[in-house]
Amino acid sequence: MKFYLAGPVGYGENGIEWKREIKEYLREKGNVVYDPIENDHKYPLVEKMNIMKSQSKRYFREIKEIMQEIFVDDCEFITNCDYLICYYIGRSYGTISEQGIAYYLNKFLNKKVKTINIFHESFNPDEWVLCCSDYVFFNIEECMNFLKGLSK
Protein backbone atom coordinates (compact mmCIF):
# COMPACT_ATOMS: atom_id res chain seq x y z
CA MET A 1 0.00 0.00 0.00
CA LYS A 2 0.98 3.63 -0.42
CA PHE A 3 0.72 6.21 2.34
CA TYR A 4 1.15 9.98 2.28
CA LEU A 5 2.03 11.76 5.55
CA ALA A 6 0.47 15.21 5.90
CA GLY A 7 1.02 17.35 8.97
CA PRO A 8 3.56 19.68 10.49
CA VAL A 9 6.62 19.70 8.29
CA GLY A 10 9.82 18.21 9.54
CA TYR A 11 11.64 21.37 10.49
CA GLY A 12 10.79 21.10 14.18
CA GLU A 13 9.90 18.54 16.81
CA ASN A 14 6.19 18.58 15.90
CA GLY A 15 7.09 17.71 12.34
CA ILE A 16 9.53 14.94 13.14
CA GLU A 17 8.22 13.11 16.18
CA TRP A 18 4.75 12.15 14.98
CA LYS A 19 6.08 10.54 11.79
CA ARG A 20 8.92 8.48 13.21
CA GLU A 21 7.01 5.43 14.49
CA ILE A 22 4.44 5.46 11.68
CA LYS A 23 7.06 5.62 8.91
CA GLU A 24 9.22 2.95 10.48
CA TYR A 25 6.30 0.55 10.95
CA LEU A 26 4.78 1.05 7.50
CA ARG A 27 8.08 0.77 5.66
CA GLU A 28 9.04 -2.31 7.68
CA LYS A 29 5.84 -3.93 6.40
CA GLY A 30 6.82 -3.18 2.79
CA ASN A 31 4.57 -0.17 2.23
CA VAL A 32 5.54 2.92 0.27
CA VAL A 33 5.52 5.99 2.52
CA TYR A 34 5.73 9.47 1.06
CA ASP A 35 6.87 12.07 3.56
CA PRO A 36 6.88 15.40 1.68
CA ILE A 37 9.81 16.71 3.72
CA GLU A 38 11.97 13.93 2.29
CA ASN A 39 11.30 15.37 -1.17
CA ASP A 40 12.58 18.87 -0.38
CA HIS A 41 16.00 18.05 -1.83
CA LYS A 42 14.33 18.27 -5.27
CA TYR A 43 13.60 21.92 -4.58
CA PRO A 44 16.79 23.83 -3.80
CA LEU A 45 14.85 27.01 -3.02
CA VAL A 46 12.81 25.51 -0.15
CA GLU A 47 15.25 26.67 2.51
CA LYS A 48 15.28 30.17 1.05
CA MET A 49 11.47 30.10 0.91
CA ASN A 50 11.27 29.19 4.60
CA ILE A 51 13.17 32.40 5.33
CA MET A 52 11.01 34.44 2.92
CA LYS A 53 7.80 33.24 4.63
CA SER A 54 8.38 35.70 7.46
CA GLN A 55 7.84 38.44 4.83
CA SER A 56 5.31 36.64 2.63
CA LYS A 57 3.69 39.84 1.35
CA ARG A 58 7.03 41.00 0.05
CA TYR A 59 8.03 37.65 -1.48
CA PHE A 60 4.61 36.36 -2.51
CA ARG A 61 5.61 35.76 -6.15
CA GLU A 62 8.72 33.76 -5.25
CA ILE A 63 6.90 31.73 -2.61
CA LYS A 64 4.02 31.07 -4.99
CA GLU A 65 6.32 29.77 -7.73
CA ILE A 66 8.21 27.45 -5.39
CA MET A 67 5.04 26.14 -3.76
CA GLN A 68 3.28 25.52 -7.07
CA GLU A 69 6.04 23.09 -8.09
CA ILE A 70 5.83 21.32 -4.75
CA PHE A 71 2.03 21.29 -4.84
CA VAL A 72 1.92 19.54 -8.21
CA ASP A 73 4.40 16.93 -7.00
CA ASP A 74 2.41 16.32 -3.81
CA CYS A 75 -0.90 16.09 -5.70
CA GLU A 76 0.57 13.45 -7.98
CA PHE A 77 1.55 11.27 -5.04
CA ILE A 78 -1.77 11.83 -3.23
CA THR A 79 -3.54 10.73 -6.41
CA ASN A 80 -1.65 7.44 -6.36
CA CYS A 81 -1.77 6.66 -2.65
CA ASP A 82 -4.17 4.44 -0.72
CA TYR A 83 -4.17 6.43 2.52
CA LEU A 84 -3.43 10.00 3.49
CA ILE A 85 -2.44 10.21 7.17
CA CYS A 86 -2.98 13.71 8.57
CA TYR A 87 -1.69 14.79 11.95
CA TYR A 88 -3.26 17.91 13.39
CA ILE A 89 -1.51 19.56 16.31
CA GLY A 90 -2.31 23.09 15.17
CA ARG A 91 -3.92 24.83 12.25
CA SER A 92 -2.09 23.81 9.09
CA TYR A 93 -3.26 25.13 5.75
CA GLY A 94 -1.06 22.65 3.90
CA THR A 95 -2.50 19.66 5.75
CA ILE A 96 -6.07 20.87 5.26
CA SER A 97 -5.35 21.37 1.54
CA GLU A 98 -3.86 17.88 1.18
CA GLN A 99 -6.84 16.39 3.00
CA GLY A 100 -9.26 18.26 0.73
CA ILE A 101 -7.43 16.99 -2.35
CA ALA A 102 -7.67 13.39 -1.10
CA TYR A 103 -11.37 13.75 -0.29
CA TYR A 104 -12.09 15.21 -3.73
CA LEU A 105 -10.17 12.42 -5.46
CA ASN A 106 -12.05 9.79 -3.47
CA LYS A 107 -15.57 11.20 -3.73
CA PHE A 108 -15.60 12.75 -7.18
CA LEU A 109 -12.92 11.01 -9.23
CA ASN A 110 -13.37 7.51 -7.75
CA LYS A 111 -9.76 7.23 -6.61
CA LYS A 112 -9.22 4.81 -3.72
CA VAL A 113 -7.45 7.22 -1.35
CA LYS A 114 -8.86 7.32 2.20
CA THR A 115 -8.07 9.93 4.83
CA ILE A 116 -6.85 9.02 8.31
CA ASN A 117 -6.82 11.92 10.77
CA ILE A 118 -4.99 12.02 14.08
CA PHE A 119 -6.02 14.91 16.32
CA HIS A 120 -3.60 15.96 19.04
CA GLU A 121 -5.39 16.59 22.34
CA SER A 122 -4.85 20.35 21.91
CA PHE A 123 -6.45 20.44 18.44
CA ASN A 124 -10.14 21.15 18.02
CA PRO A 125 -11.11 20.16 14.45
CA ASP A 126 -13.40 22.44 12.48
CA GLU A 127 -16.17 21.45 10.09
CA TRP A 128 -13.85 21.38 7.05
CA VAL A 129 -11.44 18.95 8.64
CA LEU A 130 -14.27 16.75 9.88
CA CYS A 131 -16.16 16.63 6.59
CA CYS A 132 -13.10 15.26 4.77
CA SER A 133 -12.29 12.58 7.37
CA ASP A 134 -12.69 8.87 6.67
CA TYR A 135 -11.04 7.70 9.92
CA VAL A 136 -10.49 9.74 13.08
CA PHE A 137 -8.09 9.00 15.96
CA PHE A 138 -7.29 11.06 19.03
CA ASN A 139 -3.72 9.90 19.45
CA ILE A 140 -0.96 8.19 17.50
CA GLU A 141 -1.34 4.91 19.42
CA GLU A 142 -4.98 4.53 18.24
CA CYS A 143 -3.84 5.17 14.68
CA MET A 144 -1.01 2.64 15.00
CA ASN A 145 -3.49 -0.02 16.11
CA PHE A 146 -5.61 0.71 13.04
CA LEU A 147 -2.55 0.53 10.76
CA LYS A 148 -1.54 -2.80 12.28
CA GLY A 149 -5.00 -4.09 11.47
CA LEU A 150 -4.59 -3.07 7.83
CA SER A 151 -1.47 -5.15 7.38
CA LYS A 152 -2.90 -8.43 8.69
C-alpha atoms as a PDB file:
ATOM      1  CA  MET A   1       0.000   0.000   0.000  1.00  0.00           C
ATOM      2  CA  LYS A   2       0.983   3.627  -0.422  1.00  0.00           C
ATOM      3  CA  PHE A   3       0.716   6.205   2.339  1.00  0.00           C
ATOM      4  CA  TYR A   4       1.147   9.982   2.282  1.00  0.00           C
ATOM      5  CA  LEU A   5       2.031  11.759   5.547  1.00  0.00           C
ATOM      6  CA  ALA A   6       0.473  15.205   5.905  1.00  0.00           C
ATOM      7  CA  GLY A   7       1.018  17.354   8.967  1.00  0.00           C
ATOM      8  CA  PRO A   8       3.559  19.677  10.492  1.00  0.00           C
ATOM      9  CA  VAL A   9       6.618  19.698   8.288  1.00  0.00           C
ATOM     10  CA  GLY A  10       9.824  18.205   9.541  1.00  0.00           C
ATOM     11  CA  TYR A  11      11.645  21.367  10.494  1.00  0.00           C
ATOM     12  CA  GLY A  12      10.786  21.104  14.183  1.00  0.00           C
ATOM     13  CA  GLU A  13       9.903  18.542  16.807  1.00  0.00           C
ATOM     14  CA  ASN A  14       6.187  18.577  15.901  1.00  0.00           C
ATOM     15  CA  GLY A  15       7.092  17.713  12.337  1.00  0.00           C
ATOM     16  CA  ILE A  16       9.527  14.943  13.143  1.00  0.00           C
ATOM     17  CA  GLU A  17       8.221  13.107  16.179  1.00  0.00           C
ATOM     18  CA  TRP A  18       4.754  12.146  14.978  1.00  0.00           C
ATOM     19  CA  LYS A  19       6.083  10.541  11.794  1.00  0.00           C
ATOM     20  CA  ARG A  20       8.915   8.481  13.209  1.00  0.00           C
ATOM     21  CA  GLU A  21       7.010   5.426  14.489  1.00  0.00           C
ATOM     22  CA  ILE A  22       4.444   5.460  11.680  1.00  0.00           C
ATOM     23  CA  LYS A  23       7.056   5.619   8.906  1.00  0.00           C
ATOM     24  CA  GLU A  24       9.224   2.953  10.482  1.00  0.00           C
ATOM     25  CA  TYR A  25       6.304   0.551  10.951  1.00  0.00           C
ATOM     26  CA  LEU A  26       4.780   1.045   7.499  1.00  0.00           C
ATOM     27  CA  ARG A  27       8.085   0.766   5.660  1.00  0.00           C
ATOM     28  CA  GLU A  28       9.041  -2.308   7.682  1.00  0.00           C
ATOM     29  CA  LYS A  29       5.837  -3.933   6.400  1.00  0.00           C
ATOM     30  CA  GLY A  30       6.820  -3.178   2.790  1.00  0.00           C
ATOM     31  CA  ASN A  31       4.572  -0.170   2.229  1.00  0.00           C
ATOM     32  CA  VAL A  32       5.540   2.915   0.270  1.00  0.00           C
ATOM     33  CA  VAL A  33       5.521   5.990   2.522  1.00  0.00           C
ATOM     34  CA  TYR A  34       5.726   9.473   1.060  1.00  0.00           C
ATOM     35  CA  ASP A  35       6.869  12.073   3.558  1.00  0.00           C
ATOM     36  CA  PRO A  36       6.884  15.400   1.681  1.00  0.00           C
ATOM     37  CA  ILE A  37       9.809  16.714   3.720  1.00  0.00           C
ATOM     38  CA  GLU A  38      11.966  13.926   2.288  1.00  0.00           C
ATOM     39  CA  ASN A  39      11.296  15.372  -1.165  1.00  0.00           C
ATOM     40  CA  ASP A  40      12.580  18.869  -0.380  1.00  0.00           C
ATOM     41  CA  HIS A  41      16.002  18.055  -1.833  1.00  0.00           C
ATOM     42  CA  LYS A  42      14.334  18.268  -5.267  1.00  0.00           C
ATOM     43  CA  TYR A  43      13.605  21.922  -4.577  1.00  0.00           C
ATOM     44  CA  PRO A  44      16.794  23.830  -3.796  1.00  0.00           C
ATOM     45  CA  LEU A  45      14.846  27.014  -3.024  1.00  0.00           C
ATOM     46  CA  VAL A  46      12.814  25.513  -0.150  1.00  0.00           C
ATOM     47  CA  GLU A  47      15.255  26.672   2.511  1.00  0.00           C
ATOM     48  CA  LYS A  48      15.275  30.173   1.052  1.00  0.00           C
ATOM     49  CA  MET A  49      11.469  30.098   0.906  1.00  0.00           C
ATOM     50  CA  ASN A  50      11.271  29.190   4.596  1.00  0.00           C
ATOM     51  CA  ILE A  51      13.171  32.397   5.331  1.00  0.00           C
ATOM     52  CA  MET A  52      11.008  34.437   2.919  1.00  0.00           C
ATOM     53  CA  LYS A  53       7.800  33.244   4.627  1.00  0.00           C
ATOM     54  CA  SER A  54       8.376  35.704   7.456  1.00  0.00           C
ATOM     55  CA  GLN A  55       7.843  38.437   4.834  1.00  0.00           C
ATOM     56  CA  SER A  56       5.310  36.637   2.635  1.00  0.00           C
ATOM     57  CA  LYS A  57       3.685  39.836   1.353  1.00  0.00           C
ATOM     58  CA  ARG A  58       7.029  41.004   0.050  1.00  0.00           C
ATOM     59  CA  TYR A  59       8.033  37.645  -1.482  1.00  0.00           C
ATOM     60  CA  PHE A  60       4.611  36.360  -2.508  1.00  0.00           C
ATOM     61  CA  ARG A  61       5.613  35.759  -6.153  1.00  0.00           C
ATOM     62  CA  GLU A  62       8.724  33.763  -5.250  1.00  0.00           C
ATOM     63  CA  ILE A  63       6.895  31.728  -2.608  1.00  0.00           C
ATOM     64  CA  LYS A  64       4.017  31.068  -4.990  1.00  0.00           C
ATOM     65  CA  GLU A  65       6.321  29.767  -7.728  1.00  0.00           C
ATOM     66  CA  ILE A  66       8.213  27.445  -5.387  1.00  0.00           C
ATOM     67  CA  MET A  67       5.041  26.141  -3.760  1.00  0.00           C
ATOM     68  CA  GLN A  68       3.276  25.520  -7.071  1.00  0.00           C
ATOM     69  CA  GLU A  69       6.036  23.092  -8.089  1.00  0.00           C
ATOM     70  CA  ILE A  70       5.833  21.315  -4.746  1.00  0.00           C
ATOM     71  CA  PHE A  71       2.029  21.288  -4.835  1.00  0.00           C
ATOM     72  CA  VAL A  72       1.915  19.538  -8.215  1.00  0.00           C
ATOM     73  CA  ASP A  73       4.397  16.925  -6.997  1.00  0.00           C
ATOM     74  CA  ASP A  74       2.413  16.324  -3.807  1.00  0.00           C
ATOM     75  CA  CYS A  75      -0.899  16.093  -5.704  1.00  0.00           C
ATOM     76  CA  GLU A  76       0.570  13.447  -7.980  1.00  0.00           C
ATOM     77  CA  PHE A  77       1.552  11.272  -5.038  1.00  0.00           C
ATOM     78  CA  ILE A  78      -1.767  11.835  -3.226  1.00  0.00           C
ATOM     79  CA  THR A  79      -3.544  10.733  -6.414  1.00  0.00           C
ATOM     80  CA  ASN A  80      -1.648   7.439  -6.356  1.00  0.00           C
ATOM     81  CA  CYS A  81      -1.767   6.660  -2.646  1.00  0.00           C
ATOM     82  CA  ASP A  82      -4.173   4.441  -0.725  1.00  0.00           C
ATOM     83  CA  TYR A  83      -4.173   6.433   2.522  1.00  0.00           C
ATOM     84  CA  LEU A  84      -3.426  10.002   3.490  1.00  0.00           C
ATOM     85  CA  ILE A  85      -2.440  10.214   7.165  1.00  0.00           C
ATOM     86  CA  CYS A  86      -2.984  13.711   8.573  1.00  0.00           C
ATOM     87  CA  TYR A  87      -1.687  14.792  11.953  1.00  0.00           C
ATOM     88  CA  TYR A  88      -3.265  17.910  13.393  1.00  0.00           C
ATOM     89  CA  ILE A  89      -1.512  19.561  16.312  1.00  0.00           C
ATOM     90  CA  GLY A  90      -2.308  23.093  15.170  1.00  0.00           C
ATOM     91  CA  ARG A  91      -3.918  24.833  12.254  1.00  0.00           C
ATOM     92  CA  SER A  92      -2.094  23.811   9.093  1.00  0.00           C
ATOM     93  CA  TYR A  93      -3.263  25.126   5.746  1.00  0.00           C
ATOM     94  CA  GLY A  94      -1.063  22.653   3.900  1.00  0.00           C
ATOM     95  CA  THR A  95      -2.501  19.664   5.749  1.00  0.00           C
ATOM     96  CA  ILE A  96      -6.066  20.870   5.259  1.00  0.00           C
ATOM     97  CA  SER A  97      -5.350  21.365   1.540  1.00  0.00           C
ATOM     98  CA  GLU A  98      -3.861  17.883   1.184  1.00  0.00           C
ATOM     99  CA  GLN A  99      -6.837  16.391   3.004  1.00  0.00           C
ATOM    100  CA  GLY A 100      -9.255  18.261   0.732  1.00  0.00           C
ATOM    101  CA  ILE A 101      -7.431  16.987  -2.355  1.00  0.00           C
ATOM    102  CA  ALA A 102      -7.670  13.395  -1.098  1.00  0.00           C
ATOM    103  CA  TYR A 103     -11.372  13.752  -0.294  1.00  0.00           C
ATOM    104  CA  TYR A 104     -12.088  15.208  -3.730  1.00  0.00           C
ATOM    105  CA  LEU A 105     -10.173  12.418  -5.456  1.00  0.00           C
ATOM    106  CA  ASN A 106     -12.054   9.787  -3.473  1.00  0.00           C
ATOM    107  CA  LYS A 107     -15.565  11.199  -3.727  1.00  0.00           C
ATOM    108  CA  PHE A 108     -15.596  12.745  -7.179  1.00  0.00           C
ATOM    109  CA  LEU A 109     -12.915  11.008  -9.230  1.00  0.00           C
ATOM    110  CA  ASN A 110     -13.374   7.513  -7.751  1.00  0.00           C
ATOM    111  CA  LYS A 111      -9.755   7.226  -6.605  1.00  0.00           C
ATOM    112  CA  LYS A 112      -9.222   4.814  -3.723  1.00  0.00           C
ATOM    113  CA  VAL A 113      -7.454   7.225  -1.350  1.00  0.00           C
ATOM    114  CA  LYS A 114      -8.862   7.324   2.197  1.00  0.00           C
ATOM    115  CA  THR A 115      -8.068   9.930   4.830  1.00  0.00           C
ATOM    116  CA  ILE A 116      -6.846   9.019   8.313  1.00  0.00           C
ATOM    117  CA  ASN A 117      -6.821  11.916  10.771  1.00  0.00           C
ATOM    118  CA  ILE A 118      -4.987  12.019  14.078  1.00  0.00           C
ATOM    119  CA  PHE A 119      -6.023  14.906  16.318  1.00  0.00           C
ATOM    120  CA  HIS A 120      -3.602  15.958  19.035  1.00  0.00           C
ATOM    121  CA  GLU A 121      -5.394  16.593  22.340  1.00  0.00           C
ATOM    122  CA  SER A 122      -4.847  20.349  21.913  1.00  0.00           C
ATOM    123  CA  PHE A 123      -6.453  20.438  18.441  1.00  0.00           C
ATOM    124  CA  ASN A 124     -10.143  21.148  18.021  1.00  0.00           C
ATOM    125  CA  PRO A 125     -11.112  20.161  14.454  1.00  0.00           C
ATOM    126  CA  ASP A 126     -13.398  22.444  12.483  1.00  0.00           C
ATOM    127  CA  GLU A 127     -16.169  21.446  10.090  1.00  0.00           C
ATOM    128  CA  TRP A 128     -13.852  21.378   7.052  1.00  0.00           C
ATOM    129  CA  VAL A 129     -11.439  18.950   8.639  1.00  0.00           C
ATOM    130  CA  LEU A 130     -14.274  16.747   9.882  1.00  0.00           C
ATOM    131  CA  CYS A 131     -16.159  16.634   6.586  1.00  0.00           C
ATOM    132  CA  CYS A 132     -13.098  15.256   4.766  1.00  0.00           C
ATOM    133  CA  SER A 133     -12.286  12.577   7.373  1.00  0.00           C
ATOM    134  CA  ASP A 134     -12.691   8.870   6.672  1.00  0.00           C
ATOM    135  CA  TYR A 135     -11.041   7.696   9.916  1.00  0.00           C
ATOM    136  CA  VAL A 136     -10.486   9.739  13.084  1.00  0.00           C
ATOM    137  CA  PHE A 137      -8.093   9.005  15.958  1.00  0.00           C
ATOM    138  CA  PHE A 138      -7.294  11.060  19.030  1.00  0.00           C
ATOM    139  CA  ASN A 139      -3.717   9.903  19.454  1.00  0.00           C
ATOM    140  CA  ILE A 140      -0.955   8.189  17.500  1.00  0.00           C
ATOM    141  CA  GLU A 141      -1.344   4.913  19.419  1.00  0.00           C
ATOM    142  CA  GLU A 142      -4.979   4.531  18.239  1.00  0.00           C
ATOM    143  CA  CYS A 143      -3.838   5.166  14.677  1.00  0.00           C
ATOM    144  CA  MET A 144      -1.008   2.644  14.999  1.00  0.00           C
ATOM    145  CA  ASN A 145      -3.489  -0.020  16.113  1.00  0.00           C
ATOM    146  CA  PHE A 146      -5.612   0.714  13.037  1.00  0.00           C
ATOM    147  CA  LEU A 147      -2.554   0.530  10.755  1.00  0.00           C
ATOM    148  CA  LYS A 148      -1.535  -2.798  12.283  1.00  0.00           C
ATOM    149  CA  GLY A 149      -4.998  -4.092  11.475  1.00  0.00           C
ATOM    150  CA  LEU A 150      -4.589  -3.071   7.834  1.00  0.00           C
ATOM    151  CA  SER A 151      -1.468  -5.151   7.382  1.00  0.00           C
ATOM    152  CA  LYS A 152      -2.904  -8.433   8.687  1.00  0.00           C
END
